[in-house]
Amino acid sequence: QVQLVETGGGLVQPGGSRRLSCLASILNFNYYSMGWFRQAPGKEREFVAAINWNGESAYYADSVNGRFIISRDNEKNTVYLRMNTLKPEDTAVYFCAADRRTAGSWYRMHSLAYWGQGTQVTVSS
């Protein structure tokens, strides 16, 4: 019924850029806040970025603020994560998420309503 599919992961050199996409098969896409979490090997899943229902407000983890940009296209049921100036510590599986709760609260959340399968981003020379 609900499916989130991430694409765009891959190998990137330090300092490079990459754009992730998440296509949401979900009713009333514009009712949901959307966002991204990531999980590195041996570490807990952590918040990366979130965007509210109409795209007017976006929120970022301190570790990516100023480097990553989240956006959404409600006509395409898609959320994006543009990653710039990538660092080796950005290496992780990146997961797309959807939830009705306000995007501004996502930084402190541990579980959300819907998750994608994840896409691997590796930053290395």
PDB file of N, CA and C in Angstrom:
ATOM      1  N   GLN A   1       0.825  -1.195   0.000  1.00  0.00           N
ATOM      2  CA  GLN A   1       0.000   0.000   0.000  1.00  0.00           C
ATOM      3  C   GLN A   1       0.863   1.251   0.000  1.00  0.00           C
ATOM      4  N   VAL A   2       1.842   1.306   0.901  1.00  0.00           N
ATOM      5  CA  VAL A   2       2.753   2.436   0.993  1.00  0.00           C
ATOM      6  C   VAL A   2       4.159   1.944   0.699  1.00  0.00           C
ATOM      7  N   GLN A   3       4.835   2.637  -0.192  1.00  0.00           N
ATOM      8  CA  GLN A   3       6.186   2.257  -0.550  1.00  0.00           C
ATOM      9  C   GLN A   3       7.016   3.503  -0.844  1.00  0.00           C
ATOM     10  N   LEU A   4       8.204   3.545  -0.264  1.00  0.00           N
ATOM     11  CA  LEU A   4       9.168   4.600  -0.519  1.00  0.00           C
ATOM     12  C   LEU A   4      10.395   3.965  -1.147  1.00  0.00           C
ATOM     13  N   VAL A   5      10.821   4.471  -2.294  1.00  0.00           N
ATOM     14  CA  VAL A   5      11.934   3.890  -3.023  1.00  0.00           C
ATOM     15  C   VAL A   5      13.000   4.950  -3.245  1.00  0.00           C
ATOM     16  N   GLU A   6      14.178   4.724  -2.644  1.00  0.00           N
ATOM     17  CA  GLU A   6      15.295   5.646  -2.785  1.00  0.00           C
ATOM     18  C   GLU A   6      16.166   5.243  -3.966  1.00  0.00           C
ATOM     19  N   THR A   7      16.683   6.234  -4.668  1.00  0.00           N
ATOM     20  CA  THR A   7      17.649   6.020  -5.727  1.00  0.00           C
ATOM     21  C   THR A   7      18.709   7.110  -5.657  1.00  0.00           C
ATOM     22  N   GLY A   8      19.831   6.877  -6.319  1.00  0.00           N
ATOM     23  CA  GLY A   8      20.856   7.893  -6.443  1.00  0.00           C
ATOM     24  C   GLY A   8      22.125   7.657  -5.666  1.00  0.00           C
ATOM     25  N   GLY A   9      22.174   6.613  -4.856  1.00  0.00           N
ATOM     26  CA  GLY A   9      23.379   6.335  -4.107  1.00  0.00           C
ATOM     27  C   GLY A   9      24.507   5.863  -5.002  1.00  0.00           C
ATOM     28  N   GLY A  10      25.712   5.857  -4.441  1.00  0.00           N
ATOM     29  CA  GLY A  10      26.866   5.418  -5.187  1.00  0.00           C
ATOM     30  C   GLY A  10      28.153   5.899  -4.562  1.00  0.00           C
ATOM     31  N   LEU A  11      29.234   5.740  -5.302  1.00  0.00           N
ATOM     32  CA  LEU A  11      30.559   6.137  -4.849  1.00  0.00           C
ATOM     33  C   LEU A  11      30.859   7.562  -5.292  1.00  0.00           C
ATOM     34  N   VAL A  12      31.285   8.393  -4.352  1.00  0.00           N
ATOM     35  CA  VAL A  12      31.589   9.793  -4.613  1.00  0.00           C
ATOM     36  C   VAL A  12      32.926  10.136  -3.976  1.00  0.00           C
ATOM     37  N   GLN A  13      33.720  10.939  -4.655  1.00  0.00           N
ATOM     38  CA  GLN A  13      34.973  11.400  -4.080  1.00  0.00           C
ATOM     39  C   GLN A  13      34.727  12.480  -3.028  1.00  0.00           C
ATOM     40  N   PRO A  14      35.595  12.580  -2.031  1.00  0.00           N
ATOM     41  CA  PRO A  14      35.459  13.665  -1.058  1.00  0.00           C
ATOM     42  C   PRO A  14      35.405  15.020  -1.753  1.00  0.00           C
ATOM     43  N   GLY A  15      34.497  15.866  -1.293  1.00  0.00           N
ATOM     44  CA  GLY A  15      34.282  17.160  -1.909  1.00  0.00           C
ATOM     45  C   GLY A  15      33.275  17.145  -3.040  1.00  0.00           C
ATOM     46  N   GLY A  16      32.859  15.979  -3.459  1.00  0.00           N
ATOM     47  CA  GLY A  16      31.913  15.849  -4.552  1.00  0.00           C
ATOM     48  C   GLY A  16      30.474  16.019  -4.106  1.00  0.00           C
ATOM     49  N   SER A  17      29.567  15.855  -5.066  1.00  0.00           N
ATOM     50  CA  SER A  17      28.144  16.036  -4.825  1.00  0.00           C
ATOM     51  C   SER A  17      27.361  14.836  -5.336  1.00  0.00           C
ATOM     52  N   ARG A  18      26.183  14.671  -4.782  1.00  0.00           N
ATOM     53  CA  ARG A  18      25.296  13.589  -5.168  1.00  0.00           C
ATOM     54  C   ARG A  18      23.872  13.983  -4.825  1.00  0.00           C
ATOM     55  N   ARG A  19      22.912  13.578  -5.652  1.00  0.00           N
ATOM     56  CA  ARG A  19      21.510  13.823  -5.357  1.00  0.00           C
ATOM     57  C   ARG A  19      20.768  12.513  -5.198  1.00  0.00           C
ATOM     58  N   LEU A  20      20.102  12.373  -4.064  1.00  0.00           N
ATOM     59  CA  LEU A  20      19.250  11.228  -3.806  1.00  0.00           C
ATOM     60  C   LEU A  20      17.801  11.591  -4.095  1.00  0.00           C
ATOM     61  N   SER A  21      17.040  10.612  -4.552  1.00  0.00           N
ATOM     62  CA  SER A  21      15.620  10.791  -4.803  1.00  0.00           C
ATOM     63  C   SER A  21      14.832   9.730  -4.059  1.00  0.00           C
ATOM     64  N   CYS A  22      13.638  10.079  -3.644  1.00  0.00           N
ATOM     65  CA  CYS A  22      12.734   9.141  -2.996  1.00  0.00           C
ATOM     66  C   CYS A  22      11.361   9.302  -3.616  1.00  0.00           C
ATOM     67  N   LEU A  23      10.925   8.271  -4.302  1.00  0.00           N
ATOM     68  CA  LEU A  23       9.594   8.258  -4.900  1.00  0.00           C
ATOM     69  C   LEU A  23       8.629   7.580  -3.938  1.00  0.00           C
ATOM     70  N   ALA A  24       7.573   8.282  -3.567  1.00  0.00           N
ATOM     71  CA  ALA A  24       6.617   7.790  -2.579  1.00  0.00           C
ATOM     72  C   ALA A  24       5.333   7.338  -3.255  1.00  0.00           C
ATOM     73  N   SER A  25       5.012   6.067  -3.098  1.00  0.00           N
ATOM     74  CA  SER A  25       3.722   5.541  -3.525  1.00  0.00           C
ATOM     75  C   SER A  25       2.812   5.599  -2.311  1.00  0.00           C
ATOM     76  N   ILE A  26       2.139   6.718  -2.160  1.00  0.00           N
ATOM     77  CA  ILE A  26       1.355   6.971  -0.966  1.00  0.00           C
ATOM     78  C   ILE A  26       0.236   7.942  -1.311  1.00  0.00           C
ATOM     79  N   LEU A  27      -0.921   7.729  -0.713  1.00  0.00           N
ATOM     80  CA  LEU A  27      -2.036   8.642  -0.915  1.00  0.00           C
ATOM     81  C   LEU A  27      -1.790   9.941  -0.167  1.00  0.00           C
ATOM     82  N   ASN A  28      -2.225  11.033  -0.748  1.00  0.00           N
ATOM     83  CA  ASN A  28      -2.134  12.347  -0.119  1.00  0.00           C
ATOM     84  C   ASN A  28      -0.701  12.672   0.297  1.00  0.00           C
ATOM     85  N   PHE A  29       0.194  12.611  -0.661  1.00  0.00           N
ATOM     86  CA  PHE A  29       1.604  12.868  -0.413  1.00  0.00           C
ATOM     87  C   PHE A  29       1.820  14.210   0.279  1.00  0.00           C
ATOM     88  N   ASN A  30       1.037  15.214  -0.096  1.00  0.00           N
ATOM     89  CA  ASN A  30       1.225  16.539   0.473  1.00  0.00           C
ATOM     90  C   ASN A  30       0.698  16.678   1.899  1.00  0.00           C
ATOM     91  N   TYR A  31       0.160  15.612   2.475  1.00  0.00           N
ATOM     92  CA  TYR A  31      -0.206  15.604   3.896  1.00  0.00           C
ATOM     93  C   TYR A  31       0.979  15.220   4.778  1.00  0.00           C
ATOM     94  N   TYR A  32       2.050  14.745   4.178  1.00  0.00           N
ATOM     95  CA  TYR A  32       3.159  14.171   4.925  1.00  0.00           C
ATOM     96  C   TYR A  32       4.381  15.065   4.915  1.00  0.00           C
ATOM     97  N   SER A  33       5.005  15.167   6.062  1.00  0.00           N
ATOM     98  CA  SER A  33       6.387  15.607   6.095  1.00  0.00           C
ATOM     99  C   SER A  33       7.251  14.477   5.548  1.00  0.00           C
ATOM    100  N   MET A  34       8.336  14.836   4.895  1.00  0.00           N
ATOM    101  CA  MET A  34       9.251  13.857   4.316  1.00  0.00           C
ATOM    102  C   MET A  34      10.665  14.165   4.772  1.00  0.00           C
ATOM    103  N   GLY A  35      11.499  13.142   4.774  1.00  0.00           N
ATOM    104  CA  GLY A  35      12.871  13.406   5.180  1.00  0.00           C
ATOM    105  C   GLY A  35      13.801  12.237   4.976  1.00  0.00           C
ATOM    106  N   TRP A  36      15.008  12.428   5.487  1.00  0.00           N
ATOM    107  CA  TRP A  36      16.083  11.463   5.317  1.00  0.00           C
ATOM    108  C   TRP A  36      16.784  11.186   6.632  1.00  0.00           C
ATOM    109  N   PHE A  37      17.085   9.918   6.861  1.00  0.00           N
ATOM    110  CA  PHE A  37      17.960   9.472   7.931  1.00  0.00           C
ATOM    111  C   PHE A  37      19.104   8.693   7.306  1.00  0.00           C
ATOM    112  N   ARG A  38      20.153   8.456   8.067  1.00  0.00           N
ATOM    113  CA  ARG A  38      21.250   7.646   7.572  1.00  0.00           C
ATOM    114  C   ARG A  38      21.796   6.770   8.686  1.00  0.00           C
ATOM    115  N   GLN A  39      22.427   5.676   8.282  1.00  0.00           N
ATOM    116  CA  GLN A  39      23.007   4.753   9.236  1.00  0.00           C
ATOM    117  C   GLN A  39      24.338   4.239   8.702  1.00  0.00           C
ATOM    118  N   ALA A  40      25.391   4.518   9.438  1.00  0.00           N
ATOM    119  CA  ALA A  40      26.714   4.023   9.115  1.00  0.00           C
ATOM    120  C   ALA A  40      26.938   2.690   9.826  1.00  0.00           C
ATOM    121  N   PRO A  41      27.864   1.862   9.324  1.00  0.00           N
ATOM    122  CA  PRO A  41      28.125   0.571   9.974  1.00  0.00           C
ATOM    123  C   PRO A  41      28.476   0.722  11.445  1.00  0.00           C
ATOM    124  N   GLY A  42      27.810  -0.042  12.297  1.00  0.00           N
ATOM    125  CA  GLY A  42      28.080  -0.009  13.716  1.00  0.00           C
ATOM    126  C   GLY A  42      27.516   1.179  14.461  1.00  0.00           C
ATOM    127  N   LYS A  43      26.747   2.021  13.793  1.00  0.00           N
ATOM    128  CA  LYS A  43      26.195   3.208  14.421  1.00  0.00           C
ATOM    129  C   LYS A  43      24.670   3.195  14.362  1.00  0.00           C
ATOM    130  N   GLU A  44      24.070   4.012  15.210  1.00  0.00           N
ATOM    131  CA  GLU A  44      22.620   4.143  15.216  1.00  0.00           C
ATOM    132  C   GLU A  44      22.157   4.979  14.025  1.00  0.00           C
ATOM    133  N   ARG A  45      20.941   4.732  13.613  1.00  0.00           N
ATOM    134  CA  ARG A  45      20.349   5.558  12.582  1.00  0.00           C
ATOM    135  C   ARG A  45      20.196   6.987  13.102  1.00  0.00           C
ATOM    136  N   GLU A  46      20.563   7.963  12.272  1.00  0.00           N
ATOM    137  CA  GLU A  46      20.541   9.343  12.708  1.00  0.00           C
ATOM    138  C   GLU A  46      19.791  10.227  11.718  1.00  0.00           C
ATOM    139  N   PHE A  47      19.205  11.259  12.247  1.00  0.00           N
ATOM    140  CA  PHE A  47      18.471  12.232  11.449  1.00  0.00           C
ATOM    141  C   PHE A  47      19.409  13.013  10.546  1.00  0.00           C
ATOM    142  N   VAL A  48      18.965  13.270   9.319  1.00  0.00           N
ATOM    143  CA  VAL A  48      19.733  14.059   8.367  1.00  0.00           C
ATOM    144  C   VAL A  48      18.995  15.345   8.006  1.00  0.00           C
ATOM    145  N   ALA A  49      17.777  15.211   7.493  1.00  0.00           N
ATOM    146  CA  ALA A  49      17.027  16.376   7.039  1.00  0.00           C
ATOM    147  C   ALA A  49      15.553  16.038   6.932  1.00  0.00           C
ATOM    148  N   ALA A  50      14.706  17.052   7.051  1.00  0.00           N
ATOM    149  CA  ALA A  50      13.272  16.873   6.887  1.00  0.00           C
ATOM    150  C   ALA A  50      12.667  18.138   6.297  1.00  0.00           C
ATOM    151  N   ILE A  51      11.533  17.976   5.637  1.00  0.00           N
ATOM    152  CA  ILE A  51      10.863  19.085   4.984  1.00  0.00           C
ATOM    153  C   ILE A  51       9.373  18.963   5.226  1.00  0.00           C
ATOM    154  N   ASN A  52       8.711  20.104   5.426  1.00  0.00           N
ATOM    155  CA  ASN A  52       7.301  20.058   5.783  1.00  0.00           C
ATOM    156  C   ASN A  52       6.419  19.802   4.566  1.00  0.00           C
ATOM    157  N   TRP A  53       5.110  19.805   4.795  1.00  0.00           N
ATOM    158  CA  TRP A  53       4.130  19.337   3.821  1.00  0.00           C
ATOM    159  C   TRP A  53       4.206  20.077   2.490  1.00  0.00           C
ATOM    160  N   ASN A  54       4.365  21.397   2.528  1.00  0.00           N
ATOM    161  CA  ASN A  54       4.359  22.191   1.310  1.00  0.00           C
ATOM    162  C   ASN A  54       5.743  22.666   0.883  1.00  0.00           C
ATOM    163  N   GLY A  55       6.780  22.204   1.569  1.00  0.00           N
ATOM    164  CA  GLY A  55       8.136  22.555   1.203  1.00  0.00           C
ATOM    165  C   GLY A  55       8.606  23.906   1.692  1.00  0.00           C
ATOM    166  N   GLU A  56       7.824  24.579   2.528  1.00  0.00           N
ATOM    167  CA  GLU A  56       8.190  25.913   2.986  1.00  0.00           C
ATOM    168  C   GLU A  56       9.258  25.923   4.063  1.00  0.00           C
ATOM    169  N   SER A  57       9.364  24.835   4.829  1.00  0.00           N
ATOM    170  CA  SER A  57      10.322  24.783   5.925  1.00  0.00           C
ATOM    171  C   SER A  57      11.145  23.517   5.839  1.00  0.00           C
ATOM    172  N   ALA A  58      12.439  23.652   6.023  1.00  0.00           N
ATOM    173  CA  ALA A  58      13.346  22.518   6.006  1.00  0.00           C
ATOM    174  C   ALA A  58      14.244  22.552   7.237  1.00  0.00           C
ATOM    175  N   TYR A  59      14.664  21.378   7.687  1.00  0.00           N
ATOM    176  CA  TYR A  59      15.442  21.242   8.908  1.00  0.00           C
ATOM    177  C   TYR A  59      16.574  20.267   8.664  1.00  0.00           C
ATOM    178  N   TYR A  60      17.723  20.542   9.285  1.00  0.00           N
ATOM    179  CA  TYR A  60      18.920  19.764   9.025  1.00  0.00           C
ATOM    180  C   TYR A  60      19.654  19.428  10.312  1.00  0.00           C
ATOM    181  N   ALA A  61      20.294  18.279  10.298  1.00  0.00           N
ATOM    182  CA  ALA A  61      21.230  17.960  11.364  1.00  0.00           C
ATOM    183  C   ALA A  61      22.434  18.891  11.279  1.00  0.00           C
ATOM    184  N   ASP A  62      23.039  19.184  12.425  1.00  0.00           N
ATOM    185  CA  ASP A  62      24.198  20.070  12.438  1.00  0.00           C
ATOM    186  C   ASP A  62      25.326  19.553  11.547  1.00  0.00           C
ATOM    187  N   SER A  63      25.456  18.251  11.445  1.00  0.00           N
ATOM    188  CA  SER A  63      26.540  17.656  10.692  1.00  0.00           C
ATOM    189  C   SER A  63      26.441  17.896   9.184  1.00  0.00           C
ATOM    190  N   VAL A  64      25.247  18.212   8.689  1.00  0.00           N
ATOM    191  CA  VAL A  64      25.057  18.422   7.251  1.00  0.00           C
ATOM    192  C   VAL A  64      24.561  19.820   6.918  1.00  0.00           C
ATOM    193  N   ASN A  65      24.226  20.601   7.908  1.00  0.00           N
ATOM    194  CA  ASN A  65      23.698  21.941   7.678  1.00  0.00           C
ATOM    195  C   ASN A  65      24.699  22.781   6.881  1.00  0.00           C
ATOM    196  N   GLY A  66      24.206  23.418   5.828  1.00  0.00           N
ATOM    197  CA  GLY A  66      25.065  24.203   4.959  1.00  0.00           C
ATOM    198  C   GLY A  66      25.652  23.428   3.800  1.00  0.00           C
ATOM    199  N   ARG A  67      25.578  22.102   3.846  1.00  0.00           N
ATOM    200  CA  ARG A  67      26.108  21.267   2.773  1.00  0.00           C
ATOM    201  C   ARG A  67      25.011  20.517   2.014  1.00  0.00           C
ATOM    202  N   PHE A  68      23.969  20.102   2.718  1.00  0.00           N
ATOM    203  CA  PHE A  68      22.878  19.335   2.114  1.00  0.00           C
ATOM    204  C   PHE A  68      21.652  20.216   1.941  1.00  0.00           C
ATOM    205  N   ILE A  69      20.860  19.926   0.923  1.00  0.00           N
ATOM    206  CA  ILE A  69      19.615  20.639   0.671  1.00  0.00           C
ATOM    207  C   ILE A  69      18.513  19.622   0.402  1.00  0.00           C
ATOM    208  N   ILE A  70      17.438  19.704   1.178  1.00  0.00           N
ATOM    209  CA  ILE A  70      16.285  18.847   0.952  1.00  0.00           C
ATOM    210  C   ILE A  70      15.215  19.646   0.207  1.00  0.00           C
ATOM    211  N   SER A  71      14.528  18.983  -0.703  1.00  0.00           N
ATOM    212  CA  SER A  71      13.451  19.612  -1.448  1.00  0.00           C
ATOM    213  C   SER A  71      12.412  18.556  -1.796  1.00  0.00           C
ATOM    214  N   ARG A  72      11.246  19.009  -2.241  1.00  0.00           N
ATOM    215  CA  ARG A  72      10.205  18.061  -2.633  1.00  0.00           C
ATOM    216  C   ARG A  72       9.430  18.601  -3.818  1.00  0.00           C
ATOM    217  N   ASP A  73       8.891  17.676  -4.595  1.00  0.00           N
ATOM    218  CA  ASP A  73       8.042  17.990  -5.725  1.00  0.00           C
ATOM    219  C   ASP A  73       6.743  17.227  -5.523  1.00  0.00           C
ATOM    220  N   ASN A  74       5.718  17.921  -5.056  1.00  0.00           N
ATOM    221  CA  ASN A  74       4.469  17.256  -4.713  1.00  0.00           C
ATOM    222  C   ASN A  74       3.701  16.766  -5.942  1.00  0.00           C
ATOM    223  N   GLU A  75       3.992  17.320  -7.098  1.00  0.00           N
ATOM    224  CA  GLU A  75       3.369  16.838  -8.325  1.00  0.00           C
ATOM    225  C   GLU A  75       3.937  15.492  -8.749  1.00  0.00           C
ATOM    226  N   LYS A  76       5.163  15.196  -8.305  1.00  0.00           N
ATOM    227  CA  LYS A  76       5.819  13.936  -8.641  1.00  0.00           C
ATOM    228  C   LYS A  76       5.894  12.971  -7.465  1.00  0.00           C
ATOM    229  N   ASN A  77       5.355  13.353  -6.316  1.00  0.00           N
ATOM    230  CA  ASN A  77       5.427  12.530  -5.107  1.00  0.00           C
ATOM    231  C   ASN A  77       6.872  12.141  -4.792  1.00  0.00           C
ATOM    232  N   THR A  78       7.764  13.105  -4.905  1.00  0.00           N
ATOM    233  CA  THR A  78       9.183  12.829  -4.768  1.00  0.00           C
ATOM    234  C   THR A  78       9.843  13.831  -3.831  1.00  0.00           C
ATOM    235  N   VAL A  79      10.736  13.330  -2.999  1.00  0.00           N
ATOM    236  CA  VAL A  79      11.576  14.168  -2.163  1.00  0.00           C
ATOM    237  C   VAL A  79      13.027  13.924  -2.562  1.00  0.00           C
ATOM    238  N   TYR A  80      13.834  14.977  -2.503  1.00  0.00           N
ATOM    239  CA  TYR A  80      15.221  14.919  -2.925  1.00  0.00           C
ATOM    240  C   TYR A  80      16.147  15.310  -1.784  1.00  0.00           C
ATOM    241  N   LEU A  81      17.369  14.830  -1.871  1.00  0.00           N
ATOM    242  CA  LEU A  81      18.425  15.269  -0.976  1.00  0.00           C
ATOM    243  C   LEU A  81      19.662  15.549  -1.814  1.00  0.00           C
ATOM    244  N   ARG A  82      19.975  16.824  -1.975  1.00  0.00           N
ATOM    245  CA  ARG A  82      21.187  17.227  -2.669  1.00  0.00           C
ATOM    246  C   ARG A  82      22.311  17.312  -1.649  1.00  0.00           C
ATOM    247  N   MET A  83      23.348  16.541  -1.858  1.00  0.00           N
ATOM    248  CA  MET A  83      24.466  16.457  -0.942  1.00  0.00           C
ATOM    249  C   MET A  83      25.689  17.083  -1.602  1.00  0.00           C
ATOM    250  N   ASN A  84      26.192  18.140  -1.006  1.00  0.00           N
ATOM    251  CA  ASN A  84      27.358  18.841  -1.522  1.00  0.00           C
ATOM    252  C   ASN A  84      28.524  18.727  -0.548  1.00  0.00           C
ATOM    253  N   THR A  85      29.717  18.966  -1.056  1.00  0.00           N
ATOM    254  CA  THR A  85      30.931  18.949  -0.247  1.00  0.00           C
ATOM    255  C   THR A  85      30.970  17.711   0.645  1.00  0.00           C
ATOM    256  N   LEU A  86      30.804  16.575   0.031  1.00  0.00           N
ATOM    257  CA  LEU A  86      30.708  15.326   0.776  1.00  0.00           C
ATOM    258  C   LEU A  86      32.020  14.973   1.463  1.00  0.00           C
ATOM    259  N   LYS A  87      31.884  14.388   2.646  1.00  0.00           N
ATOM    260  CA  LYS A  87      33.014  13.975   3.461  1.00  0.00           C
ATOM    261  C   LYS A  87      32.964  12.470   3.674  1.00  0.00           C
ATOM    262  N   PRO A  88      34.104  11.845   3.962  1.00  0.00           N
ATOM    263  CA  PRO A  88      34.077  10.405   4.246  1.00  0.00           C
ATOM    264  C   PRO A  88      33.108  10.022   5.351  1.00  0.00           C
ATOM    265  N   GLU A  89      32.930  10.874   6.342  1.00  0.00           N
ATOM    266  CA  GLU A  89      32.012  10.576   7.432  1.00  0.00           C
ATOM    267  C   GLU A  89      30.545  10.628   7.020  1.00  0.00           C
ATOM    268  N   ASP A  90      30.259  11.074   5.800  1.00  0.00           N
ATOM    269  CA  ASP A  90      28.900  11.007   5.267  1.00  0.00           C
ATOM    270  C   ASP A  90      28.561   9.616   4.741  1.00  0.00           C
ATOM    271  N   THR A  91      29.532   8.733   4.670  1.00  0.00           N
ATOM    272  CA  THR A  91      29.302   7.382   4.184  1.00  0.00           C
ATOM    273  C   THR A  91      28.281   6.668   5.063  1.00  0.00           C
ATOM    274  N   ALA A  92      27.211   6.185   4.451  1.00  0.00           N
ATOM    275  CA  ALA A  92      26.133   5.544   5.196  1.00  0.00           C
ATOM    276  C   ALA A  92      25.088   5.035   4.221  1.00  0.00           C
ATOM    277  N   VAL A  93      24.166   4.245   4.741  1.00  0.00           N
ATOM    278  CA  VAL A  93      22.943   3.938   4.018  1.00  0.00           C
ATOM    279  C   VAL A  93      21.944   5.042   4.336  1.00  0.00           C
ATOM    280  N   TYR A  94      21.405   5.648   3.315  1.00  0.00           N
ATOM    281  CA  TYR A  94      20.464   6.745   3.473  1.00  0.00           C
ATOM    282  C   TYR A  94      19.042   6.247   3.263  1.00  0.00           C
ATOM    283  N   PHE A  95      18.189   6.521   4.235  1.00  0.00           N
ATOM    284  CA  PHE A  95      16.808   6.055   4.230  1.00  0.00           C
ATOM    285  C   PHE A  95      15.847   7.223   4.083  1.00  0.00           C
ATOM    286  N   CYS A  96      14.882   7.059   3.230  1.00  0.00           N
ATOM    287  CA  CYS A  96      13.788   8.003   3.089  1.00  0.00           C
ATOM    288  C   CYS A  96      12.689   7.658   4.094  1.00  0.00           C
ATOM    289  N   ALA A  97      12.006   8.676   4.614  1.00  0.00           N
ATOM    290  CA  ALA A  97      10.950   8.454   5.585  1.00  0.00           C
ATOM    291  C   ALA A  97       9.788   9.404   5.351  1.00  0.00           C
ATOM    292  N   ALA A  98       8.610   8.980   5.771  1.00  0.00           N
ATOM    293  CA  ALA A  98       7.395   9.786   5.675  1.00  0.00           C
ATOM    294  C   ALA A  98       6.628   9.694   6.981  1.00  0.00           C
ATOM    295  N   ASP A  99       6.070  10.820   7.411  1.00  0.00           N
ATOM    296  CA  ASP A  99       5.292  10.866   8.641  1.00  0.00           C
ATOM    297  C   ASP A  99       4.436  12.113   8.636  1.00  0.00           C
ATOM    298  N   ARG A 100       3.284  12.025   9.269  1.00  0.00           N
ATOM    299  CA  ARG A 100       2.396  13.176   9.339  1.00  0.00           C
ATOM    300  C   ARG A 100       2.862  14.234  10.326  1.00  0.00           C
ATOM    301  N   ARG A 101       3.721  13.871  11.236  1.00  0.00           N
ATOM    302  CA  ARG A 101       4.183  14.813  12.249  1.00  0.00           C
ATOM    303  C   ARG A 101       5.077  15.881  11.643  1.00  0.00           C
ATOM    304  N   THR A 102       5.084  17.036  12.261  1.00  0.00           N
ATOM    305  CA  THR A 102       5.772  18.193  11.722  1.00  0.00           C
ATOM    306  C   THR A 102       7.261  17.921  11.535  1.00  0.00           C
ATOM    307  N   ALA A 103       7.802  18.397  10.420  1.00  0.00           N
ATOM    308  CA  ALA A 103       9.200  18.154  10.092  1.00  0.00           C
ATOM    309  C   ALA A 103      10.144  18.719  11.136  1.00  0.00           C
ATOM    310  N   GLY A 104       9.749  19.793  11.806  1.00  0.00           N
ATOM    311  CA  GLY A 104      10.601  20.406  12.797  1.00  0.00           C
ATOM    312  C   GLY A 104      10.869  19.557  14.023  1.00  0.00           C
ATOM    313  N   SER A 105      10.083  18.505  14.214  1.00  0.00           N
ATOM    314  CA  SER A 105      10.274  17.619  15.352  1.00  0.00           C
ATOM    315  C   SER A 105      11.064  16.367  15.012  1.00  0.00           C
ATOM    316  N   TRP A 106      11.404  16.172  13.775  1.00  0.00           N
ATOM    317  CA  TRP A 106      12.022  14.919  13.349  1.00  0.00           C
ATOM    318  C   TRP A 106      13.401  14.690  13.940  1.00  0.00           C
ATOM    319  N   TYR A 107      14.108  15.751  14.269  1.00  0.00           N
ATOM    320  CA  TYR A 107      15.480  15.581  14.745  1.00  0.00           C
ATOM    321  C   TYR A 107      15.554  14.776  16.027  1.00  0.00           C
ATOM    322  N   ARG A 108      14.475  14.756  16.804  1.00  0.00           N
ATOM    323  CA  ARG A 108      14.460  14.040  18.071  1.00  0.00           C
ATOM    324  C   ARG A 108      13.647  12.749  18.019  1.00  0.00           C
ATOM    325  N   MET A 109      13.205  12.344  16.848  1.00  0.00           N
ATOM    326  CA  MET A 109      12.400  11.141  16.717  1.00  0.00           C
ATOM    327  C   MET A 109      13.259   9.916  16.420  1.00  0.00           C
ATOM    328  N   HIS A 110      12.799   8.758  16.893  1.00  0.00           N
ATOM    329  CA  HIS A 110      13.496   7.500  16.682  1.00  0.00           C
ATOM    330  C   HIS A 110      12.753   6.555  15.740  1.00  0.00           C
ATOM    331  N   SER A 111      11.486   6.806  15.526  1.00  0.00           N
ATOM    332  CA  SER A 111      10.708   5.986  14.611  1.00  0.00           C
ATOM    333  C   SER A 111       9.694   6.863  13.889  1.00  0.00           C
ATOM    334  N   LEU A 112       9.431   6.509  12.658  1.00  0.00           N
ATOM    335  CA  LEU A 112       8.471   7.232  11.835  1.00  0.00           C
ATOM    336  C   LEU A 112       7.533   6.232  11.168  1.00  0.00           C
ATOM    337  N   ALA A 113       6.496   6.764  10.537  1.00  0.00           N
ATOM    338  CA  ALA A 113       5.441   5.891  10.041  1.00  0.00           C
ATOM    339  C   ALA A 113       5.903   4.974   8.912  1.00  0.00           C
ATOM    340  N   TYR A 114       6.672   5.504   7.967  1.00  0.00           N
ATOM    341  CA  TYR A 114       7.059   4.745   6.782  1.00  0.00           C
ATOM    342  C   TYR A 114       8.518   4.965   6.444  1.00  0.00           C
ATOM    343  N   TRP A 115       9.161   3.894   5.967  1.00  0.00           N
ATOM    344  CA  TRP A 115      10.580   3.913   5.621  1.00  0.00           C
ATOM    345  C   TRP A 115      10.817   3.284   4.273  1.00  0.00           C
ATOM    346  N   GLY A 116      11.808   3.801   3.567  1.00  0.00           N
ATOM    347  CA  GLY A 116      12.286   3.148   2.360  1.00  0.00           C
ATOM    348  C   GLY A 116      13.316   2.086   2.683  1.00  0.00           C
ATOM    349  N   GLN A 117      13.824   1.429   1.645  1.00  0.00           N
ATOM    350  CA  GLN A 117      14.773   0.340   1.827  1.00  0.00           C
ATOM    351  C   GLN A 117      16.207   0.816   1.999  1.00  0.00           C
ATOM    352  N   GLY A 118      16.484   2.054   1.652  1.00  0.00           N
ATOM    353  CA  GLY A 118      17.806   2.619   1.795  1.00  0.00           C
ATOM    354  C   GLY A 118      18.629   2.558   0.528  1.00  0.00           C
ATOM    355  N   THR A 119      19.551   3.505   0.392  1.00  0.00           N
ATOM    356  CA  THR A 119      20.495   3.523  -0.711  1.00  0.00           C
ATOM    357  C   THR A 119      21.875   3.878  -0.163  1.00  0.00           C
ATOM    358  N   GLN A 120      22.883   3.147  -0.605  1.00  0.00           N
ATOM    359  CA  GLN A 120      24.234   3.306  -0.072  1.00  0.00           C
ATOM    360  C   GLN A 120      24.938   4.494  -0.710  1.00  0.00           C
ATOM    361  N   VAL A 121      25.513   5.340   0.133  1.00  0.00           N
ATOM    362  CA  VAL A 121      26.380   6.426  -0.311  1.00  0.00           C
ATOM    363  C   VAL A 121      27.758   6.201   0.299  1.00  0.00           C
ATOM    364  N   THR A 122      28.762   6.102  -0.541  1.00  0.00           N
ATOM    365  CA  THR A 122      30.128   5.896  -0.085  1.00  0.00           C
ATOM    366  C   THR A 122      30.984   7.057  -0.570  1.00  0.00           C
ATOM    367  N   VAL A 123      31.631   7.739   0.363  1.00  0.00           N
ATOM    368  CA  VAL A 123      32.494   8.872   0.044  1.00  0.00           C
ATOM    369  C   VAL A 123      33.930   8.440   0.282  1.00  0.00           C
ATOM    370  N   SER A 124      34.670   8.293  -0.786  1.00  0.00           N
ATOM    371  CA  SER A 124      36.028   7.775  -0.693  1.00  0.00           C
ATOM    372  C   SER A 124      36.813   8.159  -1.938  1.00  0.00           C
ATOM    373  N   SER A 125      38.125   8.266  -1.775  1.00  0.00           N
ATOM    374  CA  SER A 125      39.007   8.517  -2.907  1.00  0.00           C
ATOM    375  C   SER A 125      39.272   7.253  -3.704  1.00  0.00           C
TER     376      SER A 125
END
